[in-house]
Amino acid sequence: LAAGMTKTGKVGTYGALPIPPVTIFMDGFVDGVAYYNQAKGKNV
């Protein structure tokens, strides 16, 4: 969704601590961006 909505071509995420309940969100988020790029031929 973020990749489809960005106007700058850049989105971001950050966490509190590098522990599994935090990084699991971040892993999914960046993979969703990558999936959008693959599907749309973009480079967010």
ModelCIF file with pLDDT and N, C-alpha, C, O atoms, coordinates in Angstrom:
data_MODEL
#
_entry.id   MODEL 
#
_entity.id                         1 
_entity.type                       polymer 
_entity.pdbx_number_of_molecules   1 
#
_entity_poly.entity_id                      1 
_entity_poly.type                           'polypeptide(L)' 
_entity_poly.nstd_linkage                   no 
_entity_poly.nstd_monomer                   no 
_entity_poly.pdbx_seq_one_letter_code       LAAGMTKTGKVGTYGALPIPPVTIFMDGFVDGVAYYNQAKGKNV 
_entity_poly.pdbx_seq_one_letter_code_can   LAAGMTKTGKVGTYGALPIPPVTIFMDGFVDGVAYYNQAKGKNV 
_entity_poly.pdbx_strand_id                 A 
#
loop_
_entity_poly_seq.entity_id 
_entity_poly_seq.num 
_entity_poly_seq.mon_id 
_entity_poly_seq.hetero 
1 1  LEU n 
1 2  ALA n 
1 3  ALA n 
1 4  GLY n 
1 5  MET n 
1 6  THR n 
1 7  LYS n 
1 8  THR n 
1 9  GLY n 
1 10 LYS n 
1 11 VAL n 
1 12 GLY n 
1 13 THR n 
1 14 TYR n 
1 15 GLY n 
1 16 ALA n 
1 17 LEU n 
1 18 PRO n 
1 19 ILE n 
1 20 PRO n 
1 21 PRO n 
1 22 VAL n 
1 23 THR n 
1 24 ILE n 
1 25 PHE n 
1 26 MET n 
1 27 ASP n 
1 28 GLY n 
1 29 PHE n 
1 30 VAL n 
1 31 ASP n 
1 32 GLY n 
1 33 VAL n 
1 34 ALA n 
1 35 TYR n 
1 36 TYR n 
1 37 ASN n 
1 38 GLN n 
1 39 ALA n 
1 40 LYS n 
1 41 GLY n 
1 42 LYS n 
1 43 ASN n 
1 44 VAL n 
#
_struct_asym.id          A 
_struct_asym.entity_id   1 
#
loop_
_ma_qa_metric.id 
_ma_qa_metric.mode 
_ma_qa_metric.name 
_ma_qa_metric.software_group_id 
_ma_qa_metric.type 
1 global pLDDT . pLDDT 
2 local  pLDDT . pLDDT 
#
_ma_qa_metric_global.metric_id      1 
_ma_qa_metric_global.metric_value   97.59 
_ma_qa_metric_global.model_id       1 
_ma_qa_metric_global.ordinal_id     1 
#
loop_
_ma_qa_metric_local.label_asym_id 
_ma_qa_metric_local.label_comp_id 
_ma_qa_metric_local.label_seq_id 
_ma_qa_metric_local.metric_id 
_ma_qa_metric_local.metric_value 
_ma_qa_metric_local.model_id 
_ma_qa_metric_local.ordinal_id 
A LEU 1  2 98.00 1 1  
A ALA 2  2 99.00 1 2  
A ALA 3  2 98.00 1 3  
A GLY 4  2 98.00 1 4  
A MET 5  2 98.00 1 5  
A THR 6  2 98.00 1 6  
A LYS 7  2 98.00 1 7  
A THR 8  2 98.00 1 8  
A GLY 9  2 98.00 1 9  
A LYS 10 2 98.00 1 10 
A VAL 11 2 98.00 1 11 
A GLY 12 2 98.00 1 12 
A THR 13 2 98.00 1 13 
A TYR 14 2 98.00 1 14 
A GLY 15 2 98.00 1 15 
A ALA 16 2 97.00 1 16 
A LEU 17 2 96.00 1 17 
A PRO 18 2 97.00 1 18 
A ILE 19 2 94.00 1 19 
A PRO 20 2 94.00 1 20 
A PRO 21 2 92.00 1 21 
A VAL 22 2 96.00 1 22 
A THR 23 2 98.00 1 23 
A ILE 24 2 98.00 1 24 
A PHE 25 2 98.00 1 25 
A MET 26 2 98.00 1 26 
A ASP 27 2 98.00 1 27 
A GLY 28 2 98.00 1 28 
A PHE 29 2 99.00 1 29 
A VAL 30 2 98.00 1 30 
A ASP 31 2 98.00 1 31 
A GLY 32 2 98.00 1 32 
A VAL 33 2 98.00 1 33 
A ALA 34 2 98.00 1 34 
A TYR 35 2 98.00 1 35 
A TYR 36 2 98.00 1 36 
A ASN 37 2 98.00 1 37 
A GLN 38 2 98.00 1 38 
A ALA 39 2 98.00 1 39 
A LYS 40 2 98.00 1 40 
A GLY 41 2 98.00 1 41 
A LYS 42 2 98.00 1 42 
A ASN 43 2 98.00 1 43 
A VAL 44 2 98.00 1 44 
#
loop_
_atom_site.group_PDB 
_atom_site.id 
_atom_site.type_symbol 
_atom_site.label_atom_id 
_atom_site.label_alt_id 
_atom_site.label_comp_id 
_atom_site.label_asym_id 
_atom_site.label_entity_id 
_atom_site.label_seq_id 
_atom_site.pdbx_PDB_ins_code 
_atom_site.Cartn_x 
_atom_site.Cartn_y 
_atom_site.Cartn_z 
_atom_site.occupancy 
_atom_site.B_iso_or_equiv 
_atom_site.pdbx_formal_charge 
_atom_site.auth_seq_id 
_atom_site.auth_comp_id 
_atom_site.auth_asym_id 
_atom_site.auth_atom_id 
_atom_site.pdbx_PDB_model_num 
ATOM 1   N N  . LEU A 1 1  ? 0.833  -1.203  0.000   1.00 98.00 ? 1  LEU A N  1 
ATOM 2   C CA . LEU A 1 1  ? 0.000  0.000   0.000   1.00 98.00 ? 1  LEU A CA 1 
ATOM 3   C C  . LEU A 1 1  ? 0.866  1.250   0.000   1.00 98.00 ? 1  LEU A C  1 
ATOM 4   O O  . LEU A 1 1  ? 0.644  2.167   -0.791  1.00 98.00 ? 1  LEU A O  1 
ATOM 5   N N  . ALA A 1 2  ? 1.863  1.287   0.898   1.00 99.00 ? 2  ALA A N  1 
ATOM 6   C CA . ALA A 1 2  ? 2.739  2.457   0.989   1.00 99.00 ? 2  ALA A CA 1 
ATOM 7   C C  . ALA A 1 2  ? 3.453  2.712   -0.332  1.00 99.00 ? 2  ALA A C  1 
ATOM 8   O O  . ALA A 1 2  ? 3.565  3.853   -0.779  1.00 99.00 ? 2  ALA A O  1 
ATOM 9   N N  . ALA A 1 3  ? 3.934  1.639   -0.952  1.00 98.00 ? 3  ALA A N  1 
ATOM 10  C CA . ALA A 1 3  ? 4.627  1.781   -2.240  1.00 98.00 ? 3  ALA A CA 1 
ATOM 11  C C  . ALA A 1 3  ? 3.691  2.338   -3.308  1.00 98.00 ? 3  ALA A C  1 
ATOM 12  O O  . ALA A 1 3  ? 4.112  3.097   -4.181  1.00 98.00 ? 3  ALA A O  1 
ATOM 13  N N  . GLY A 1 4  ? 2.418  1.953   -3.228  1.00 98.00 ? 4  GLY A N  1 
ATOM 14  C CA . GLY A 1 4  ? 1.442  2.449   -4.194  1.00 98.00 ? 4  GLY A CA 1 
ATOM 15  C C  . GLY A 1 4  ? 0.991  3.868   -3.932  1.00 98.00 ? 4  GLY A C  1 
ATOM 16  O O  . GLY A 1 4  ? 0.464  4.526   -4.829  1.00 98.00 ? 4  GLY A O  1 
ATOM 17  N N  . MET A 1 5  ? 1.192  4.357   -2.700  1.00 98.00 ? 5  MET A N  1 
ATOM 18  C CA . MET A 1 5  ? 0.714  5.687   -2.321  1.00 98.00 ? 5  MET A CA 1 
ATOM 19  C C  . MET A 1 5  ? 1.808  6.757   -2.269  1.00 98.00 ? 5  MET A C  1 
ATOM 20  O O  . MET A 1 5  ? 1.500  7.949   -2.308  1.00 98.00 ? 5  MET A O  1 
ATOM 21  N N  . THR A 1 6  ? 3.077  6.352   -2.183  1.00 98.00 ? 6  THR A N  1 
ATOM 22  C CA . THR A 1 6  ? 4.135  7.348   -2.042  1.00 98.00 ? 6  THR A CA 1 
ATOM 23  C C  . THR A 1 6  ? 4.211  8.271   -3.252  1.00 98.00 ? 6  THR A C  1 
ATOM 24  O O  . THR A 1 6  ? 4.014  7.849   -4.391  1.00 98.00 ? 6  THR A O  1 
ATOM 25  N N  . LYS A 1 7  ? 4.502  9.539   -2.977  1.00 98.00 ? 7  LYS A N  1 
ATOM 26  C CA . LYS A 1 7  ? 4.702  10.511  -4.059  1.00 98.00 ? 7  LYS A CA 1 
ATOM 27  C C  . LYS A 1 7  ? 6.183  10.787  -4.281  1.00 98.00 ? 7  LYS A C  1 
ATOM 28  O O  . LYS A 1 7  ? 6.579  11.270  -5.341  1.00 98.00 ? 7  LYS A O  1 
ATOM 29  N N  . THR A 1 8  ? 6.996  10.480  -3.279  1.00 98.00 ? 8  THR A N  1 
ATOM 30  C CA . THR A 1 8  ? 8.432  10.730  -3.383  1.00 98.00 ? 8  THR A CA 1 
ATOM 31  C C  . THR A 1 8  ? 9.205  9.514   -3.877  1.00 98.00 ? 8  THR A C  1 
ATOM 32  O O  . THR A 1 8  ? 10.369 9.627   -4.261  1.00 98.00 ? 8  THR A O  1 
ATOM 33  N N  . GLY A 1 9  ? 8.554  8.349   -3.867  1.00 98.00 ? 9  GLY A N  1 
ATOM 34  C CA . GLY A 1 9  ? 9.243  7.119   -4.243  1.00 98.00 ? 9  GLY A CA 1 
ATOM 35  C C  . GLY A 1 9  ? 10.079 6.552   -3.116  1.00 98.00 ? 9  GLY A C  1 
ATOM 36  O O  . GLY A 1 9  ? 10.901 5.660   -3.325  1.00 98.00 ? 9  GLY A O  1 
ATOM 37  N N  . LYS A 1 10 ? 9.860  7.085   -1.900  1.00 98.00 ? 10 LYS A N  1 
ATOM 38  C CA . LYS A 1 10 ? 10.582 6.580   -0.730  1.00 98.00 ? 10 LYS A CA 1 
ATOM 39  C C  . LYS A 1 10 ? 9.620  6.453   0.458   1.00 98.00 ? 10 LYS A C  1 
ATOM 40  O O  . LYS A 1 10 ? 8.852  7.368   0.753   1.00 98.00 ? 10 LYS A O  1 
ATOM 41  N N  . VAL A 1 11 ? 9.680  5.312   1.124   1.00 98.00 ? 11 VAL A N  1 
ATOM 42  C CA . VAL A 1 11 ? 8.890  5.084   2.339   1.00 98.00 ? 11 VAL A CA 1 
ATOM 43  C C  . VAL A 1 11 ? 9.857  4.594   3.409   1.00 98.00 ? 11 VAL A C  1 
ATOM 44  O O  . VAL A 1 11 ? 10.992 4.230   3.100   1.00 98.00 ? 11 VAL A O  1 
ATOM 45  N N  . GLY A 1 12 ? 9.416  4.582   4.662   1.00 98.00 ? 12 GLY A N  1 
ATOM 46  C CA . GLY A 1 12 ? 10.346 4.185   5.713   1.00 98.00 ? 12 GLY A CA 1 
ATOM 47  C C  . GLY A 1 12 ? 9.688  3.452   6.853   1.00 98.00 ? 12 GLY A C  1 
ATOM 48  O O  . GLY A 1 12 ? 8.468  3.487   7.017   1.00 98.00 ? 12 GLY A O  1 
ATOM 49  N N  . THR A 1 13 ? 10.506 2.789   7.634   1.00 98.00 ? 13 THR A N  1 
ATOM 50  C CA . THR A 1 13 ? 10.042 2.132   8.855   1.00 98.00 ? 13 THR A CA 1 
ATOM 51  C C  . THR A 1 13 ? 11.159 2.195   9.878   1.00 98.00 ? 13 THR A C  1 
ATOM 52  O O  . THR A 1 13 ? 12.335 2.280   9.524   1.00 98.00 ? 13 THR A O  1 
ATOM 53  N N  . TYR A 1 14 ? 10.785 2.154   11.148  1.00 98.00 ? 14 TYR A N  1 
ATOM 54  C CA . TYR A 1 14 ? 11.780 2.059   12.213  1.00 98.00 ? 14 TYR A CA 1 
ATOM 55  C C  . TYR A 1 14 ? 11.161 1.306   13.380  1.00 98.00 ? 14 TYR A C  1 
ATOM 56  O O  . TYR A 1 14 ? 9.942  1.156   13.467  1.00 98.00 ? 14 TYR A O  1 
ATOM 57  N N  . GLY A 1 15 ? 12.023 0.834   14.276  1.00 98.00 ? 15 GLY A N  1 
ATOM 58  C CA . GLY A 1 15 ? 11.535 0.062   15.411  1.00 98.00 ? 15 GLY A CA 1 
ATOM 59  C C  . GLY A 1 15 ? 11.978 0.638   16.736  1.00 98.00 ? 15 GLY A C  1 
ATOM 60  O O  . GLY A 1 15 ? 12.739 1.605   16.783  1.00 98.00 ? 15 GLY A O  1 
ATOM 61  N N  . ALA A 1 16 ? 11.496 0.041   17.815  1.00 97.00 ? 16 ALA A N  1 
ATOM 62  C CA . ALA A 1 16 ? 11.949 0.417   19.153  1.00 97.00 ? 16 ALA A CA 1 
ATOM 63  C C  . ALA A 1 16 ? 13.244 -0.322  19.468  1.00 97.00 ? 16 ALA A C  1 
ATOM 64  O O  . ALA A 1 16 ? 14.262 0.289   19.795  1.00 97.00 ? 16 ALA A O  1 
ATOM 65  N N  . LEU A 1 17 ? 13.185 -1.652  19.363  1.00 96.00 ? 17 LEU A N  1 
ATOM 66  C CA . LEU A 1 17 ? 14.347 -2.492  19.630  1.00 96.00 ? 17 LEU A CA 1 
ATOM 67  C C  . LEU A 1 17 ? 14.406 -3.603  18.591  1.00 96.00 ? 17 LEU A C  1 
ATOM 68  O O  . LEU A 1 17 ? 13.365 -4.015  18.079  1.00 96.00 ? 17 LEU A O  1 
ATOM 69  N N  . PRO A 1 18 ? 15.605 -4.101  18.267  1.00 97.00 ? 18 PRO A N  1 
ATOM 70  C CA . PRO A 1 18 ? 15.717 -5.188  17.286  1.00 97.00 ? 18 PRO A CA 1 
ATOM 71  C C  . PRO A 1 18 ? 15.366 -6.535  17.904  1.00 97.00 ? 18 PRO A C  1 
ATOM 72  O O  . PRO A 1 18 ? 16.233 -7.393  18.069  1.00 97.00 ? 18 PRO A O  1 
ATOM 73  N N  . ILE A 1 19 ? 14.093 -6.716  18.244  1.00 94.00 ? 19 ILE A N  1 
ATOM 74  C CA . ILE A 1 19 ? 13.599 -7.975  18.809  1.00 94.00 ? 19 ILE A CA 1 
ATOM 75  C C  . ILE A 1 19 ? 12.520 -8.521  17.873  1.00 94.00 ? 19 ILE A C  1 
ATOM 76  O O  . ILE A 1 19 ? 11.905 -7.751  17.135  1.00 94.00 ? 19 ILE A O  1 
ATOM 77  N N  . PRO A 1 20 ? 12.278 -9.835  17.889  1.00 94.00 ? 20 PRO A N  1 
ATOM 78  C CA . PRO A 1 20 ? 11.369 -10.442 16.915  1.00 94.00 ? 20 PRO A CA 1 
ATOM 79  C C  . PRO A 1 20 ? 9.988  -9.795  16.791  1.00 94.00 ? 20 PRO A C  1 
ATOM 80  O O  . PRO A 1 20 ? 9.522  -9.619  15.665  1.00 94.00 ? 20 PRO A O  1 
ATOM 81  N N  . PRO A 1 21 ? 9.299  -9.428  17.893  1.00 92.00 ? 21 PRO A N  1 
ATOM 82  C CA . PRO A 1 21 ? 7.968  -8.834  17.712  1.00 92.00 ? 21 PRO A CA 1 
ATOM 83  C C  . PRO A 1 21 ? 7.988  -7.479  16.985  1.00 92.00 ? 21 PRO A C  1 
ATOM 84  O O  . PRO A 1 21 ? 6.953  -6.989  16.533  1.00 92.00 ? 21 PRO A O  1 
ATOM 85  N N  . VAL A 1 22 ? 9.185  -6.889  16.884  1.00 96.00 ? 22 VAL A N  1 
ATOM 86  C CA . VAL A 1 22 ? 9.346  -5.621  16.166  1.00 96.00 ? 22 VAL A CA 1 
ATOM 87  C C  . VAL A 1 22 ? 9.804  -5.866  14.733  1.00 96.00 ? 22 VAL A C  1 
ATOM 88  O O  . VAL A 1 22 ? 9.189  -5.375  13.787  1.00 96.00 ? 22 VAL A O  1 
ATOM 89  N N  . THR A 1 23 ? 10.880 -6.623  14.577  1.00 98.00 ? 23 THR A N  1 
ATOM 90  C CA . THR A 1 23 ? 11.463 -6.793  13.242  1.00 98.00 ? 23 THR A CA 1 
ATOM 91  C C  . THR A 1 23 ? 10.557 -7.574  12.299  1.00 98.00 ? 23 THR A C  1 
ATOM 92  O O  . THR A 1 23 ? 10.690 -7.458  11.081  1.00 98.00 ? 23 THR A O  1 
ATOM 93  N N  . ILE A 1 24 ? 9.633  -8.371  12.846  1.00 98.00 ? 24 ILE A N  1 
ATOM 94  C CA . ILE A 1 24 ? 8.710  -9.111  11.981  1.00 98.00 ? 24 ILE A CA 1 
ATOM 95  C C  . ILE A 1 24 ? 7.842  -8.155  11.166  1.00 98.00 ? 24 ILE A C  1 
ATOM 96  O O  . ILE A 1 24 ? 7.554  -8.426  10.000  1.00 98.00 ? 24 ILE A O  1 
ATOM 97  N N  . PHE A 1 25 ? 7.420  -7.035  11.768  1.00 98.00 ? 25 PHE A N  1 
ATOM 98  C CA . PHE A 1 25 ? 6.669  -6.019  11.039  1.00 98.00 ? 25 PHE A CA 1 
ATOM 99  C C  . PHE A 1 25 ? 7.532  -5.420  9.921   1.00 98.00 ? 25 PHE A C  1 
ATOM 100 O O  . PHE A 1 25 ? 7.081  -5.243  8.789   1.00 98.00 ? 25 PHE A O  1 
ATOM 101 N N  . MET A 1 26 ? 8.782  -5.116  10.274  1.00 98.00 ? 26 MET A N  1 
ATOM 102 C CA . MET A 1 26 ? 9.679  -4.429  9.345   1.00 98.00 ? 26 MET A CA 1 
ATOM 103 C C  . MET A 1 26 ? 10.023 -5.314  8.160   1.00 98.00 ? 26 MET A C  1 
ATOM 104 O O  . MET A 1 26 ? 10.109 -4.840  7.027   1.00 98.00 ? 26 MET A O  1 
ATOM 105 N N  . ASP A 1 27 ? 10.224 -6.626  8.428   1.00 98.00 ? 27 ASP A N  1 
ATOM 106 C CA . ASP A 1 27 ? 10.482 -7.582  7.345   1.00 98.00 ? 27 ASP A CA 1 
ATOM 107 C C  . ASP A 1 27 ? 9.314  -7.614  6.358   1.00 98.00 ? 27 ASP A C  1 
ATOM 108 O O  . ASP A 1 27 ? 9.510  -7.535  5.145   1.00 98.00 ? 27 ASP A O  1 
ATOM 109 N N  . GLY A 1 28 ? 8.103  -7.729  6.893   1.00 98.00 ? 28 GLY A N  1 
ATOM 110 C CA . GLY A 1 28 ? 6.928  -7.791  6.034   1.00 98.00 ? 28 GLY A CA 1 
ATOM 111 C C  . GLY A 1 28 ? 6.738  -6.525  5.226   1.00 98.00 ? 28 GLY A C  1 
ATOM 112 O O  . GLY A 1 28 ? 6.387  -6.574  4.047   1.00 98.00 ? 28 GLY A O  1 
ATOM 113 N N  . PHE A 1 29 ? 6.973  -5.388  5.869   1.00 99.00 ? 29 PHE A N  1 
ATOM 114 C CA . PHE A 1 29 ? 6.794  -4.088  5.215   1.00 99.00 ? 29 PHE A CA 1 
ATOM 115 C C  . PHE A 1 29 ? 7.724  -3.932  4.005   1.00 99.00 ? 29 PHE A C  1 
ATOM 116 O O  . PHE A 1 29 ? 7.273  -3.590  2.911   1.00 99.00 ? 29 PHE A O  1 
ATOM 117 N N  . VAL A 1 30 ? 9.021  -4.182  4.206   1.00 98.00 ? 30 VAL A N  1 
ATOM 118 C CA . VAL A 1 30 ? 9.964  -3.995  3.096   1.00 98.00 ? 30 VAL A CA 1 
ATOM 119 C C  . VAL A 1 30 ? 9.723  -5.027  1.993   1.00 98.00 ? 30 VAL A C  1 
ATOM 120 O O  . VAL A 1 30 ? 9.943  -4.735  0.818   1.00 98.00 ? 30 VAL A O  1 
ATOM 121 N N  . ASP A 1 31 ? 9.276  -6.222  2.357   1.00 98.00 ? 31 ASP A N  1 
ATOM 122 C CA . ASP A 1 31 ? 8.968  -7.226  1.335   1.00 98.00 ? 31 ASP A CA 1 
ATOM 123 C C  . ASP A 1 31 ? 7.729  -6.830  0.533   1.00 98.00 ? 31 ASP A C  1 
ATOM 124 O O  . ASP A 1 31 ? 7.647  -7.109  -0.663  1.00 98.00 ? 31 ASP A O  1 
ATOM 125 N N  . GLY A 1 32 ? 6.764  -6.180  1.193   1.00 98.00 ? 32 GLY A N  1 
ATOM 126 C CA . GLY A 1 32 ? 5.583  -5.686  0.478   1.00 98.00 ? 32 GLY A CA 1 
ATOM 127 C C  . GLY A 1 32 ? 5.947  -4.613  -0.528  1.00 98.00 ? 32 GLY A C  1 
ATOM 128 O O  . GLY A 1 32 ? 5.395  -4.558  -1.626  1.00 98.00 ? 32 GLY A O  1 
ATOM 129 N N  . VAL A 1 33 ? 6.891  -3.753  -0.137  1.00 98.00 ? 33 VAL A N  1 
ATOM 130 C CA . VAL A 1 33 ? 7.397  -2.727  -1.074  1.00 98.00 ? 33 VAL A CA 1 
ATOM 131 C C  . VAL A 1 33 ? 8.075  -3.397  -2.265  1.00 98.00 ? 33 VAL A C  1 
ATOM 132 O O  . VAL A 1 33 ? 7.854  -3.018  -3.416  1.00 98.00 ? 33 VAL A O  1 
ATOM 133 N N  . ALA A 1 34 ? 8.906  -4.401  -1.972  1.00 98.00 ? 34 ALA A N  1 
ATOM 134 C CA . ALA A 1 34 ? 9.622  -5.116  -3.036  1.00 98.00 ? 34 ALA A CA 1 
ATOM 135 C C  . ALA A 1 34 ? 8.641  -5.819  -3.979  1.00 98.00 ? 34 ALA A C  1 
ATOM 136 O O  . ALA A 1 34 ? 8.858  -5.863  -5.190  1.00 98.00 ? 34 ALA A O  1 
ATOM 137 N N  . TYR A 1 35 ? 7.573  -6.363  -3.419  1.00 98.00 ? 35 TYR A N  1 
ATOM 138 C CA . TYR A 1 35 ? 6.566  -7.050  -4.231  1.00 98.00 ? 35 TYR A CA 1 
ATOM 139 C C  . TYR A 1 35 ? 5.868  -6.059  -5.159  1.00 98.00 ? 35 TYR A C  1 
ATOM 140 O O  . TYR A 1 35 ? 5.582  -6.375  -6.314  1.00 98.00 ? 35 TYR A O  1 
ATOM 141 N N  . TYR A 1 36 ? 5.595  -4.863  -4.649  1.00 98.00 ? 36 TYR A N  1 
ATOM 142 C CA . TYR A 1 36 ? 4.993  -3.816  -5.485  1.00 98.00 ? 36 TYR A CA 1 
ATOM 143 C C  . TYR A 1 36 ? 5.937  -3.457  -6.637  1.00 98.00 ? 36 TYR A C  1 
ATOM 144 O O  . TYR A 1 36 ? 5.515  -3.346  -7.789  1.00 98.00 ? 36 TYR A O  1 
ATOM 145 N N  . ASN A 1 37 ? 7.202  -3.279  -6.311  1.00 98.00 ? 37 ASN A N  1 
ATOM 146 C CA . ASN A 1 37 ? 8.181  -2.927  -7.349  1.00 98.00 ? 37 ASN A CA 1 
ATOM 147 C C  . ASN A 1 37 ? 8.245  -4.000  -8.434  1.00 98.00 ? 37 ASN A C  1 
ATOM 148 O O  . ASN A 1 37 ? 8.315  -3.693  -9.624  1.00 98.00 ? 37 ASN A O  1 
ATOM 149 N N  . GLN A 1 38 ? 8.221  -5.248  -8.011  1.00 98.00 ? 38 GLN A N  1 
ATOM 150 C CA . GLN A 1 38 ? 8.276  -6.370  -8.950  1.00 98.00 ? 38 GLN A CA 1 
ATOM 151 C C  . GLN A 1 38 ? 7.017  -6.396  -9.827  1.00 98.00 ? 38 GLN A C  1 
ATOM 152 O O  . GLN A 1 38 ? 7.095  -6.605  -11.037 1.00 98.00 ? 38 GLN A O  1 
ATOM 153 N N  . ALA A 1 39 ? 5.865  -6.182  -9.201  1.00 98.00 ? 39 ALA A N  1 
ATOM 154 C CA . ALA A 1 39 ? 4.604  -6.245  -9.942  1.00 98.00 ? 39 ALA A CA 1 
ATOM 155 C C  . ALA A 1 39 ? 4.413  -5.078  -10.891 1.00 98.00 ? 39 ALA A C  1 
ATOM 156 O O  . ALA A 1 39 ? 3.806  -5.222  -11.952 1.00 98.00 ? 39 ALA A O  1 
ATOM 157 N N  . LYS A 1 40 ? 4.937  -3.911  -10.504 1.00 98.00 ? 40 LYS A N  1 
ATOM 158 C CA . LYS A 1 40 ? 4.673  -2.690  -11.266 1.00 98.00 ? 40 LYS A CA 1 
ATOM 159 C C  . LYS A 1 40 ? 5.870  -2.173  -12.066 1.00 98.00 ? 40 LYS A C  1 
ATOM 160 O O  . LYS A 1 40 ? 5.752  -1.197  -12.806 1.00 98.00 ? 40 LYS A O  1 
ATOM 161 N N  . GLY A 1 41 ? 7.011  -2.824  -11.914 1.00 98.00 ? 41 GLY A N  1 
ATOM 162 C CA . GLY A 1 41 ? 8.202  -2.344  -12.590 1.00 98.00 ? 41 GLY A CA 1 
ATOM 163 C C  . GLY A 1 41 ? 8.661  -1.000  -12.045 1.00 98.00 ? 41 GLY A C  1 
ATOM 164 O O  . GLY A 1 41 ? 9.178  -0.168  -12.790 1.00 98.00 ? 41 GLY A O  1 
ATOM 165 N N  . LYS A 1 42 ? 8.476  -0.789  -10.760 1.00 98.00 ? 42 LYS A N  1 
ATOM 166 C CA . LYS A 1 42 ? 8.860  0.470   -10.105 1.00 98.00 ? 42 LYS A CA 1 
ATOM 167 C C  . LYS A 1 42 ? 10.114 0.255   -9.259  1.00 98.00 ? 42 LYS A C  1 
ATOM 168 O O  . LYS A 1 42 ? 10.642 -0.853  -9.161  1.00 98.00 ? 42 LYS A O  1 
ATOM 169 N N  . ASN A 1 43 ? 10.577 1.362   -8.647  1.00 98.00 ? 43 ASN A N  1 
ATOM 170 C CA . ASN A 1 43 ? 11.760 1.267   -7.794  1.00 98.00 ? 43 ASN A CA 1 
ATOM 171 C C  . ASN A 1 43 ? 11.569 2.091   -6.523  1.00 98.00 ? 43 ASN A C  1 
ATOM 172 O O  . ASN A 1 43 ? 12.396 2.940   -6.190  1.00 98.00 ? 43 ASN A O  1 
ATOM 173 N N  . VAL A 1 44 ? 10.463 1.827   -5.815  1.00 98.00 ? 44 VAL A N  1 
ATOM 174 C CA . VAL A 1 44 ? 10.216 2.511   -4.544  1.00 98.00 ? 44 VAL A CA 1 
ATOM 175 C C  . VAL A 1 44 ? 11.243 2.018   -3.521  1.00 98.00 ? 44 VAL A C  1 
ATOM 176 O O  . VAL A 1 44 ? 11.231 2.458   -2.372  1.00 98.00 ? 44 VAL A O  1 
#
